[in-house]
């Protein structure tokens, strides 16, 4: 009795095509693809998750082409879709950086910089780094990473492996995502914008009434203290906006 192995090349090719999209998305996915997670752990997780999706999506992948250019074309097609989707969802979570920069500016701590672990260690405002890291923690705490994994599966129903790449639509989606991230960041920090306007208006009037007094020098500690108090009171509301925007963006992948 002989066992045929003719199915191995087609199975390996299907697994590789699935892995190309899954790995490229997970490389850029917030929370699951952070640079602070060791690369071997992310790679191992992508391999295991692809193995889970293989029996579910094996029929969605087109048959293995007979020539090498066709294989490479399908592989790069899936890789491009993964990079586009992963990069766009990464833009969404930049709302925390926008909000943190506004909060830092309004409270007078814009010069306090620290390395942001969610942005590959790039220097940013300390409030932005705090909100970004808090956002990652809340994504895991609220099980939104499960929604992200489900969105990867559902992306095959919206962006099929045999469908042509829609670069123009992807560009429009990226522009809308940037606008949405900026809008959410401003919404998160709206109370601080109002506080900064009222505080600086009052300080300006006081400076005009008492020219000899160094108003801003005296009021700066109060500005910082009130800003930190507002952050402690409003951080739950701010992160609610953040998580809602992240979940709504993943919902687009699910049709």
C-alpha atoms as a PDB file:
ATOM      1  CA  UNK A   1       0.000   0.000   0.000  1.00  0.00           C
ATOM      2  CA  UNK A   2       1.468   3.353  -1.080  1.00  0.00           C
ATOM      3  CA  UNK A   3       0.639   6.771   0.339  1.00  0.00           C
ATOM      4  CA  UNK A   4       0.556   9.646  -2.117  1.00  0.00           C
ATOM      5  CA  UNK A   5       2.142  12.961  -1.170  1.00  0.00           C
ATOM      6  CA  UNK A   6       0.882  14.967  -4.125  1.00  0.00           C
ATOM      7  CA  UNK A   7      -1.263  17.096  -1.793  1.00  0.00           C
ATOM      8  CA  UNK A   8       1.721  18.448   0.160  1.00  0.00           C
ATOM      9  CA  UNK A   9       2.815  21.239  -2.256  1.00  0.00           C
ATOM     10  CA  UNK A  10      -0.723  22.622  -2.612  1.00  0.00           C
ATOM     11  CA  UNK A  11      -1.298  22.466   1.162  1.00  0.00           C
ATOM     12  CA  UNK A  12       2.008  24.175   1.915  1.00  0.00           C
ATOM     13  CA  UNK A  13       1.261  26.891  -0.642  1.00  0.00           C
ATOM     14  CA  UNK A  14      -2.204  27.529   0.822  1.00  0.00           C
ATOM     15  CA  UNK A  15      -0.723  27.776   4.322  1.00  0.00           C
ATOM     16  CA  UNK A  16       1.974  30.169   3.101  1.00  0.00           C
ATOM     17  CA  UNK A  17      -0.580  32.418   1.376  1.00  0.00           C
ATOM     18  CA  UNK A  18      -2.685  32.571   4.542  1.00  0.00           C
ATOM     19  CA  UNK A  19       0.411  33.230   6.642  1.00  0.00           C
ATOM     20  CA  UNK A  20       1.452  36.153   4.423  1.00  0.00           C
ATOM     21  CA  UNK A  21      -1.704  38.138   5.240  1.00  0.00           C
ATOM     22  CA  UNK A  22      -2.024  37.059   8.873  1.00  0.00           C
ATOM     23  CA  UNK A  23       1.603  37.758   9.737  1.00  0.00           C
ATOM     24  CA  UNK A  24       1.676  41.157   8.022  1.00  0.00           C
ATOM     25  CA  UNK A  25      -1.490  42.245   9.862  1.00  0.00           C
ATOM     26  CA  UNK A  26      -0.275  40.979  13.225  1.00  0.00           C
ATOM     27  CA  UNK A  27       3.056  42.724  12.687  1.00  0.00           C
ATOM     28  CA  UNK A  28       1.268  46.096  12.691  1.00  0.00           C
ATOM     29  CA  UNK A  29      -1.828  45.297  14.777  1.00  0.00           C
ATOM     30  CA  UNK A  30      -2.031  47.379  17.986  1.00  0.00           C
ATOM     31  CA  UNK A  31      -1.566  45.397  21.213  1.00  0.00           C
ATOM     32  CA  UNK A  32      -0.800  42.121  19.395  1.00  0.00           C
ATOM     33  CA  UNK A  33       2.032  43.527  17.284  1.00  0.00           C
ATOM     34  CA  UNK A  34       3.813  45.856  19.701  1.00  0.00           C
ATOM     35  CA  UNK A  35       7.577  46.138  19.380  1.00  0.00           C
ATOM     36  CA  UNK A  36       7.954  45.349  23.074  1.00  0.00           C
ATOM     37  CA  UNK A  37       6.763  41.781  22.379  1.00  0.00           C
ATOM     38  CA  UNK A  38       9.721  39.609  21.281  1.00  0.00           C
ATOM     39  CA  UNK A  39       9.773  38.916  17.550  1.00  0.00           C
ATOM     40  CA  UNK A  40       9.918  35.147  18.082  1.00  0.00           C
ATOM     41  CA  UNK A  41       6.738  35.239  20.167  1.00  0.00           C
ATOM     42  CA  UNK A  42       4.915  37.282  17.513  1.00  0.00           C
ATOM     43  CA  UNK A  43       6.128  34.966  14.758  1.00  0.00           C
ATOM     44  CA  UNK A  44       5.118  31.872  16.711  1.00  0.00           C
ATOM     45  CA  UNK A  45       1.685  33.311  17.402  1.00  0.00           C
ATOM     46  CA  UNK A  46       1.213  34.169  13.707  1.00  0.00           C
ATOM     47  CA  UNK A  47       2.171  30.610  12.712  1.00  0.00           C
ATOM     48  CA  UNK A  48      -0.232  29.103  15.251  1.00  0.00           C
ATOM     49  CA  UNK A  49      -3.088  31.446  14.344  1.00  0.00           C
ATOM     50  CA  UNK A  50      -2.593  30.647  10.660  1.00  0.00           C
ATOM     51  CA  UNK A  51      -2.801  26.968  11.548  1.00  0.00           C
ATOM     52  CA  UNK A  52      -6.138  27.648  13.271  1.00  0.00           C
ATOM     53  CA  UNK A  53      -7.463  29.515  10.222  1.00  0.00           C
ATOM     54  CA  UNK A  54      -6.217  26.950   7.719  1.00  0.00           C
ATOM     55  CA  UNK A  55      -9.192  24.525   7.896  1.00  0.00           C
ATOM     56  CA  UNK A  56     -11.617  27.478   7.898  1.00  0.00           C
ATOM     57  CA  UNK A  57     -10.144  29.436   4.996  1.00  0.00           C
ATOM     58  CA  UNK A  58      -8.392  26.777   2.975  1.00  0.00           C
ATOM     59  CA  UNK A  59     -11.147  26.781   0.342  1.00  0.00           C
ATOM     60  CA  UNK A  60     -11.069  30.578   0.014  1.00  0.00           C
ATOM     61  CA  UNK A  61      -7.496  30.581  -1.285  1.00  0.00           C
ATOM     62  CA  UNK A  62      -7.282  29.981  -5.071  1.00  0.00           C
ATOM     63  CA  UNK A  63      -5.591  26.785  -6.280  1.00  0.00           C
ATOM     64  CA  UNK A  64      -1.826  26.843  -6.569  1.00  0.00           C
ATOM     65  CA  UNK A  65      -0.785  28.344  -9.941  1.00  0.00           C
ATOM     66  CA  UNK A  66       1.243  26.197 -12.252  1.00  0.00           C
ATOM     67  CA  UNK A  67       4.026  28.780 -12.759  1.00  0.00           C
ATOM     68  CA  UNK A  68       6.294  30.643 -10.347  1.00  0.00           C
ATOM     69  CA  UNK A  69       5.177  34.196 -11.336  1.00  0.00           C
ATOM     70  CA  UNK A  70       1.580  33.262 -10.523  1.00  0.00           C
ATOM     71  CA  UNK A  71       2.615  31.963  -7.103  1.00  0.00           C
ATOM     72  CA  UNK A  72       4.634  35.074  -6.309  1.00  0.00           C
ATOM     73  CA  UNK A  73       1.828  37.307  -7.566  1.00  0.00           C
ATOM     74  CA  UNK A  74      -0.722  35.725  -5.227  1.00  0.00           C
ATOM     75  CA  UNK A  75       1.739  35.795  -2.342  1.00  0.00           C
ATOM     76  CA  UNK A  76       2.532  39.495  -2.775  1.00  0.00           C
ATOM     77  CA  UNK A  77      -1.176  40.212  -3.245  1.00  0.00           C
ATOM     78  CA  UNK A  78      -1.914  38.816   0.232  1.00  0.00           C
ATOM     79  CA  UNK A  79       1.137  40.525   1.691  1.00  0.00           C
ATOM     80  CA  UNK A  80      -0.013  43.897   0.311  1.00  0.00           C
ATOM     81  CA  UNK A  81      -3.528  43.472   1.718  1.00  0.00           C
ATOM     82  CA  UNK A  82      -2.112  42.590   5.132  1.00  0.00           C
ATOM     83  CA  UNK A  83       0.225  45.568   5.205  1.00  0.00           C
ATOM     84  CA  UNK A  84      -2.530  47.952   4.090  1.00  0.00           C
ATOM     85  CA  UNK A  85      -5.022  46.729   6.704  1.00  0.00           C
ATOM     86  CA  UNK A  86      -2.430  46.591   9.469  1.00  0.00           C
ATOM     87  CA  UNK A  87      -1.052  50.052   8.721  1.00  0.00           C
ATOM     88  CA  UNK A  88      -4.522  51.621   8.607  1.00  0.00           C
ATOM     89  CA  UNK A  89      -5.589  50.138  11.938  1.00  0.00           C
ATOM     90  CA  UNK A  90      -2.259  51.286  13.417  1.00  0.00           C
ATOM     91  CA  UNK A  91      -3.144  54.839  12.359  1.00  0.00           C
ATOM     92  CA  UNK A  92      -6.377  54.587  14.361  1.00  0.00           C
ATOM     93  CA  UNK A  93      -4.611  54.237  17.706  1.00  0.00           C
ATOM     94  CA  UNK A  94      -2.544  57.366  17.042  1.00  0.00           C
ATOM     95  CA  UNK A  95      -5.520  59.238  18.518  1.00  0.00           C
ATOM     96  CA  UNK A  96      -3.928  58.638  21.922  1.00  0.00           C
ATOM     97  CA  UNK A  97      -0.788  60.466  20.786  1.00  0.00           C
ATOM     98  CA  UNK A  98      -2.856  63.395  19.498  1.00  0.00           C
ATOM     99  CA  UNK A  99      -4.794  63.614  22.767  1.00  0.00           C
ATOM    100  CA  UNK A 100      -1.635  63.297  24.841  1.00  0.00           C
ATOM    101  CA  UNK A 101       0.113  66.078  22.915  1.00  0.00           C
ATOM    102  CA  UNK A 102      -2.853  68.414  23.411  1.00  0.00           C
ATOM    103  CA  UNK A 103      -3.087  67.592  27.113  1.00  0.00           C
ATOM    104  CA  UNK A 104       0.647  68.139  27.573  1.00  0.00           C
ATOM    105  CA  UNK A 105       0.488  71.490  25.768  1.00  0.00           C
ATOM    106  CA  UNK A 106      -2.491  72.746  27.768  1.00  0.00           C
ATOM    107  CA  UNK A 107      -0.990  71.730  31.113  1.00  0.00           C
ATOM    108  CA  UNK A 108       2.431  73.227  30.378  1.00  0.00           C
ATOM    109  CA  UNK A 109       4.248  69.886  30.236  1.00  0.00           C
ATOM    110  CA  UNK A 110       4.872  69.713  26.502  1.00  0.00           C
ATOM    111  CA  UNK A 111       8.607  69.701  27.179  1.00  0.00           C
ATOM    112  CA  UNK A 112       8.390  66.532  29.281  1.00  0.00           C
ATOM    113  CA  UNK A 113       9.302  63.805  26.790  1.00  0.00           C
ATOM    114  CA  UNK A 114       9.680  60.069  27.179  1.00  0.00           C
ATOM    115  CA  UNK A 115      10.118  57.043  24.941  1.00  0.00           C
ATOM    116  CA  UNK A 116       6.787  55.635  23.767  1.00  0.00           C
ATOM    117  CA  UNK A 117       6.931  51.798  23.813  1.00  0.00           C
ATOM    118  CA  UNK A 118       3.965  51.595  21.418  1.00  0.00           C
ATOM    119  CA  UNK A 119       5.717  53.728  18.781  1.00  0.00           C
ATOM    120  CA  UNK A 120       9.018  51.852  18.551  1.00  0.00           C
ATOM    121  CA  UNK A 121      10.575  53.950  21.314  1.00  0.00           C
ATOM    122  CA  UNK A 122      10.095  57.304  19.567  1.00  0.00           C
ATOM    123  CA  UNK A 123      10.250  60.310  21.881  1.00  0.00           C
ATOM    124  CA  UNK A 124       6.839  61.809  22.636  1.00  0.00           C
ATOM    125  CA  UNK A 125       4.923  63.744  25.247  1.00  0.00           C
ATOM    126  CA  UNK A 126       4.714  61.887  28.535  1.00  0.00           C
ATOM    127  CA  UNK A 127       0.905  62.094  28.484  1.00  0.00           C
ATOM    128  CA  UNK A 128       0.802  60.598  24.990  1.00  0.00           C
ATOM    129  CA  UNK A 129       3.021  57.689  26.027  1.00  0.00           C
ATOM    130  CA  UNK A 130       0.850  57.096  29.090  1.00  0.00           C
ATOM    131  CA  UNK A 131      -2.399  57.104  27.098  1.00  0.00           C
ATOM    132  CA  UNK A 132      -0.936  54.870  24.373  1.00  0.00           C
ATOM    133  CA  UNK A 133       0.313  52.310  26.867  1.00  0.00           C
ATOM    134  CA  UNK A 134      -2.984  52.487  28.776  1.00  0.00           C
ATOM    135  CA  UNK A 135      -4.840  51.910  25.510  1.00  0.00           C
ATOM    136  CA  UNK A 136      -2.847  48.715  24.857  1.00  0.00           C
ATOM    137  CA  UNK A 137      -3.609  47.477  28.377  1.00  0.00           C
ATOM    138  CA  UNK A 138      -7.323  48.221  27.963  1.00  0.00           C
ATOM    139  CA  UNK A 139      -7.478  46.438  24.604  1.00  0.00           C
ATOM    140  CA  UNK A 140      -6.382  43.263  26.369  1.00  0.00           C
ATOM    141  CA  UNK A 141      -8.508  43.952  29.462  1.00  0.00           C
ATOM    142  CA  UNK A 142     -11.693  44.425  27.416  1.00  0.00           C
ATOM    143  CA  UNK A 143     -10.939  41.459  25.094  1.00  0.00           C
ATOM    144  CA  UNK A 144     -10.822  43.681  22.027  1.00  0.00           C
ATOM    145  CA  UNK A 145      -7.853  41.643  20.828  1.00  0.00           C
ATOM    146  CA  UNK A 146     -10.386  38.855  20.248  1.00  0.00           C
ATOM    147  CA  UNK A 147     -12.316  41.242  18.001  1.00  0.00           C
ATOM    148  CA  UNK A 148      -9.068  41.979  16.160  1.00  0.00           C
ATOM    149  CA  UNK A 149      -8.446  38.278  15.556  1.00  0.00           C
ATOM    150  CA  UNK A 150     -12.026  37.821  14.362  1.00  0.00           C
ATOM    151  CA  UNK A 151     -11.557  40.794  12.036  1.00  0.00           C
ATOM    152  CA  UNK A 152      -8.548  39.078  10.455  1.00  0.00           C
ATOM    153  CA  UNK A 153     -10.742  36.082   9.670  1.00  0.00           C
ATOM    154  CA  UNK A 154     -13.581  38.259   8.345  1.00  0.00           C
ATOM    155  CA  UNK A 155     -11.178  40.264   6.166  1.00  0.00           C
ATOM    156  CA  UNK A 156     -11.106  37.298   3.773  1.00  0.00           C
ATOM    157  CA  UNK A 157     -14.832  37.768   3.185  1.00  0.00           C
ATOM    158  CA  UNK A 158     -14.391  41.468   2.367  1.00  0.00           C
ATOM    159  CA  UNK A 159     -10.989  41.353   0.611  1.00  0.00           C
ATOM    160  CA  UNK A 160     -10.808  38.031  -1.180  1.00  0.00           C
ATOM    161  CA  UNK A 161      -7.457  36.594  -2.329  1.00  0.00           C
ATOM    162  CA  UNK A 162      -8.682  36.587  -5.933  1.00  0.00           C
ATOM    163  CA  UNK A 163     -10.034  40.153  -5.871  1.00  0.00           C
ATOM    164  CA  UNK A 164      -7.904  42.884  -7.459  1.00  0.00           C
ATOM    165  CA  UNK A 165      -6.037  45.289  -5.210  1.00  0.00           C
ATOM    166  CA  UNK A 166      -7.917  48.563  -4.754  1.00  0.00           C
ATOM    167  CA  UNK A 167      -5.142  51.047  -4.060  1.00  0.00           C
ATOM    168  CA  UNK A 168      -7.360  54.077  -4.612  1.00  0.00           C
ATOM    169  CA  UNK A 169      -9.930  52.839  -2.102  1.00  0.00           C
ATOM    170  CA  UNK A 170      -7.139  52.029   0.350  1.00  0.00           C
ATOM    171  CA  UNK A 171      -5.759  55.538  -0.018  1.00  0.00           C
ATOM    172  CA  UNK A 172      -9.191  57.059   0.630  1.00  0.00           C
ATOM    173  CA  UNK A 173      -9.629  54.809   3.664  1.00  0.00           C
ATOM    174  CA  UNK A 174      -6.228  55.853   4.992  1.00  0.00           C
ATOM    175  CA  UNK A 175      -7.151  59.535   4.616  1.00  0.00           C
ATOM    176  CA  UNK A 176     -10.449  58.995   6.448  1.00  0.00           C
ATOM    177  CA  UNK A 177      -8.643  57.043   9.157  1.00  0.00           C
ATOM    178  CA  UNK A 178      -6.163  59.861   9.730  1.00  0.00           C
ATOM    179  CA  UNK A 179      -9.038  62.342   9.960  1.00  0.00           C
ATOM    180  CA  UNK A 180     -10.898  60.051  12.350  1.00  0.00           C
ATOM    181  CA  UNK A 181      -7.833  59.575  14.548  1.00  0.00           C
ATOM    182  CA  UNK A 182      -7.339  63.341  14.761  1.00  0.00           C
ATOM    183  CA  UNK A 183     -11.040  63.865  15.529  1.00  0.00           C
ATOM    184  CA  UNK A 184     -11.028  61.234  18.273  1.00  0.00           C
ATOM    185  CA  UNK A 185      -7.848  62.711  19.733  1.00  0.00           C
ATOM    186  CA  UNK A 186      -9.446  66.167  19.891  1.00  0.00           C
ATOM    187  CA  UNK A 187     -12.622  64.698  21.417  1.00  0.00           C
ATOM    188  CA  UNK A 188     -10.562  62.935  24.070  1.00  0.00           C
ATOM    189  CA  UNK A 189      -8.754  66.140  24.990  1.00  0.00           C
ATOM    190  CA  UNK A 190     -11.691  68.578  24.544  1.00  0.00           C
ATOM    191  CA  UNK A 191     -12.012  69.324  28.307  1.00  0.00           C
ATOM    192  CA  UNK A 192      -8.345  70.280  28.416  1.00  0.00           C
ATOM    193  CA  UNK A 193      -8.769  72.634  25.462  1.00  0.00           C
ATOM    194  CA  UNK A 194     -11.588  74.392  27.324  1.00  0.00           C
ATOM    195  CA  UNK A 195      -9.513  74.435  30.514  1.00  0.00           C
ATOM    196  CA  UNK A 196      -6.508  75.905  28.719  1.00  0.00           C
ATOM    197  CA  UNK A 197      -8.651  78.592  27.091  1.00  0.00           C
ATOM    198  CA  UNK A 198     -10.267  79.634  30.384  1.00  0.00           C
ATOM    199  CA  UNK A 199      -7.010  79.463  32.336  1.00  0.00           C
ATOM    200  CA  UNK A 200      -4.991  81.522  29.866  1.00  0.00           C
ATOM    201  CA  UNK A 201      -7.811  84.038  29.457  1.00  0.00           C
ATOM    202  CA  UNK A 202      -8.002  84.515  33.225  1.00  0.00           C
ATOM    203  CA  UNK A 203      -4.230  84.722  33.533  1.00  0.00           C
ATOM    204  CA  UNK A 204      -4.086  87.310  30.737  1.00  0.00           C
ATOM    205  CA  UNK A 205      -6.733  89.479  32.409  1.00  0.00           C
ATOM    206  CA  UNK A 206      -4.908  89.206  35.750  1.00  0.00           C
ATOM    207  CA  UNK A 207      -1.619  90.155  34.072  1.00  0.00           C
ATOM    208  CA  UNK A 208      -3.247  93.280  32.651  1.00  0.00           C
ATOM    209  CA  UNK A 209      -4.690  94.219  36.026  1.00  0.00           C
ATOM    210  CA  UNK A 210      -1.390  93.616  37.858  1.00  0.00           C
ATOM    211  CA  UNK A 211       1.490  94.283  35.446  1.00  0.00           C
ATOM    212  CA  UNK A 212       4.138  94.044  38.172  1.00  0.00           C
ATOM    213  CA  UNK A 213       3.128  90.490  39.080  1.00  0.00           C
ATOM    214  CA  UNK A 214       4.688  87.560  37.231  1.00  0.00           C
ATOM    215  CA  UNK A 215       1.312  85.897  36.693  1.00  0.00           C
ATOM    216  CA  UNK A 216       2.313  82.970  34.513  1.00  0.00           C
ATOM    217  CA  UNK A 217       5.302  82.124  36.689  1.00  0.00           C
ATOM    218  CA  UNK A 218       3.083  82.003  39.780  1.00  0.00           C
ATOM    219  CA  UNK A 219       0.164  80.177  38.144  1.00  0.00           C
ATOM    220  CA  UNK A 220       2.216  77.499  36.373  1.00  0.00           C
ATOM    221  CA  UNK A 221       2.200  75.048  39.338  1.00  0.00           C
ATOM    222  CA  UNK A 222      -1.580  75.523  39.636  1.00  0.00           C
ATOM    223  CA  UNK A 223      -1.931  74.855  35.900  1.00  0.00           C
ATOM    224  CA  UNK A 224      -0.032  71.569  36.227  1.00  0.00           C
ATOM    225  CA  UNK A 225      -1.937  70.487  39.346  1.00  0.00           C
ATOM    226  CA  UNK A 226      -5.355  71.214  37.846  1.00  0.00           C
ATOM    227  CA  UNK A 227      -4.341  69.481  34.606  1.00  0.00           C
ATOM    228  CA  UNK A 228      -3.281  66.332  36.457  1.00  0.00           C
ATOM    229  CA  UNK A 229      -6.511  66.414  38.474  1.00  0.00           C
ATOM    230  CA  UNK A 230      -8.576  66.710  35.292  1.00  0.00           C
ATOM    231  CA  UNK A 231      -6.664  63.808  33.756  1.00  0.00           C
ATOM    232  CA  UNK A 232      -7.387  61.631  36.791  1.00  0.00           C
ATOM    233  CA  UNK A 233     -11.090  62.491  36.619  1.00  0.00           C
ATOM    234  CA  UNK A 234     -11.551  62.222  32.849  1.00  0.00           C
ATOM    235  CA  UNK A 235      -9.215  59.380  31.876  1.00  0.00           C
ATOM    236  CA  UNK A 236     -12.075  56.841  31.882  1.00  0.00           C
ATOM    237  CA  UNK A 237     -14.097  58.982  29.456  1.00  0.00           C
ATOM    238  CA  UNK A 238     -11.060  59.577  27.256  1.00  0.00           C
ATOM    239  CA  UNK A 239     -10.201  55.898  26.951  1.00  0.00           C
ATOM    240  CA  UNK A 240     -13.868  55.107  26.242  1.00  0.00           C
ATOM    241  CA  UNK A 241     -13.645  57.264  23.104  1.00  0.00           C
ATOM    242  CA  UNK A 242     -10.380  55.524  22.215  1.00  0.00           C
ATOM    243  CA  UNK A 243     -11.704  51.969  22.547  1.00  0.00           C
ATOM    244  CA  UNK A 244     -14.909  52.824  20.675  1.00  0.00           C
ATOM    245  CA  UNK A 245     -12.940  54.204  17.727  1.00  0.00           C
ATOM    246  CA  UNK A 246     -10.700  51.112  17.679  1.00  0.00           C
ATOM    247  CA  UNK A 247     -13.675  48.744  17.736  1.00  0.00           C
ATOM    248  CA  UNK A 248     -15.568  50.699  15.043  1.00  0.00           C
ATOM    249  CA  UNK A 249     -12.594  50.557  12.735  1.00  0.00           C
ATOM    250  CA  UNK A 250     -12.255  46.790  13.141  1.00  0.00           C
ATOM    251  CA  UNK A 251     -15.973  46.478  12.376  1.00  0.00           C
ATOM    252  CA  UNK A 252     -15.296  47.732   8.830  1.00  0.00           C
ATOM    253  CA  UNK A 253     -13.292  44.571   8.128  1.00  0.00           C
ATOM    254  CA  UNK A 254     -16.270  42.468   9.065  1.00  0.00           C
ATOM    255  CA  UNK A 255     -18.489  43.798   6.310  1.00  0.00           C
END
